């Protein structure tokens, strides 16, 4: 019987800890920050592959326009 009472008490404490939402906002903000950082790194990695070609195209257009003047 004492074992059941202890389990019931432990269960009630666990439920109270779950209901206690103190610090929940911090965790949510940290998770959102991690997602945003992940997206920024993924986009950066994708853009990095295209940047040399893009700069070369811009350079060629500027050189072409300058030679026509």
Protein backbone atom coordinates (compact mmCIF):
# COMPACT_ATOMS: atom_id res chain seq x y z
CA UNK A 1 0.00 0.00 0.00
CA UNK A 2 2.86 2.39 0.80
CA UNK A 3 4.28 1.73 -2.67
CA UNK A 4 1.01 2.77 -4.31
CA UNK A 5 0.85 5.93 -2.18
CA UNK A 6 4.42 6.82 -3.14
CA UNK A 7 3.67 6.21 -6.81
CA UNK A 8 0.56 8.37 -6.57
CA UNK A 9 2.56 11.16 -4.92
CA UNK A 10 5.30 10.92 -7.55
CA UNK A 11 2.68 10.96 -10.33
CA UNK A 12 1.05 14.07 -8.86
CA UNK A 13 4.43 15.82 -8.63
CA UNK A 14 5.19 14.92 -12.22
CA UNK A 15 1.84 16.34 -13.35
CA UNK A 16 2.50 19.55 -11.42
CA UNK A 17 5.94 19.86 -13.04
CA UNK A 18 4.38 19.42 -16.47
CA UNK A 19 1.79 22.08 -15.71
CA UNK A 20 4.51 24.46 -14.53
CA UNK A 21 5.25 26.42 -17.72
CA UNK A 22 8.02 28.56 -16.24
CA UNK A 23 10.84 28.75 -18.77
CA UNK A 24 8.73 27.45 -21.62
CA UNK A 25 9.07 30.68 -23.60
CA UNK A 26 12.86 30.51 -23.43
CA UNK A 27 12.88 26.99 -24.83
CA UNK A 28 10.47 27.95 -27.59
CA UNK A 29 12.57 30.97 -28.56
CA UNK A 30 15.73 28.88 -28.60
CA UNK A 31 14.10 26.29 -30.86
CA UNK A 32 12.86 29.00 -33.21
CA UNK A 33 16.33 30.54 -33.27
CA UNK A 34 17.87 27.17 -34.15
CA UNK A 35 15.39 26.72 -37.01
CA UNK A 36 16.11 30.21 -38.34
CA UNK A 37 19.87 29.64 -38.13
CA UNK A 38 19.46 26.32 -39.95
CA UNK A 39 17.48 27.97 -42.74
CA UNK A 40 20.04 30.76 -43.07
CA UNK A 41 22.90 28.25 -43.33
CA UNK A 42 21.01 26.14 -45.88
CA UNK A 43 20.20 29.16 -48.04
CA UNK A 44 23.77 30.40 -47.68
CA UNK A 45 25.14 27.06 -48.85
CA UNK A 46 22.81 27.08 -51.87
CA UNK A 47 23.66 30.67 -52.78
CA UNK A 48 27.39 30.04 -52.39
CA UNK A 49 27.28 27.66 -55.34
CA UNK A 50 25.68 30.28 -57.62
CA UNK A 51 27.59 33.39 -56.52
CA UNK A 52 30.74 32.97 -58.68
CA UNK A 53 28.60 32.53 -61.81
CA UNK A 54 26.41 35.47 -60.88
CA UNK A 55 29.39 37.75 -60.30
CA UNK A 56 30.92 36.62 -63.60
CA UNK A 57 27.69 37.43 -65.45
CA UNK A 58 27.52 40.86 -63.86
CA UNK A 59 31.18 41.49 -64.68
CA UNK A 60 30.62 40.45 -68.32
CA UNK A 61 27.57 42.72 -68.64
CA UNK A 62 29.46 45.67 -67.18
CA UNK A 63 32.45 45.02 -69.45
CA UNK A 64 30.17 44.66 -72.48
CA UNK A 65 28.31 47.86 -71.71
CA UNK A 66 31.52 49.74 -71.03
CA UNK A 67 33.03 48.63 -74.35
CA UNK A 68 29.98 49.90 -76.25
CA UNK A 69 30.39 53.42 -74.89
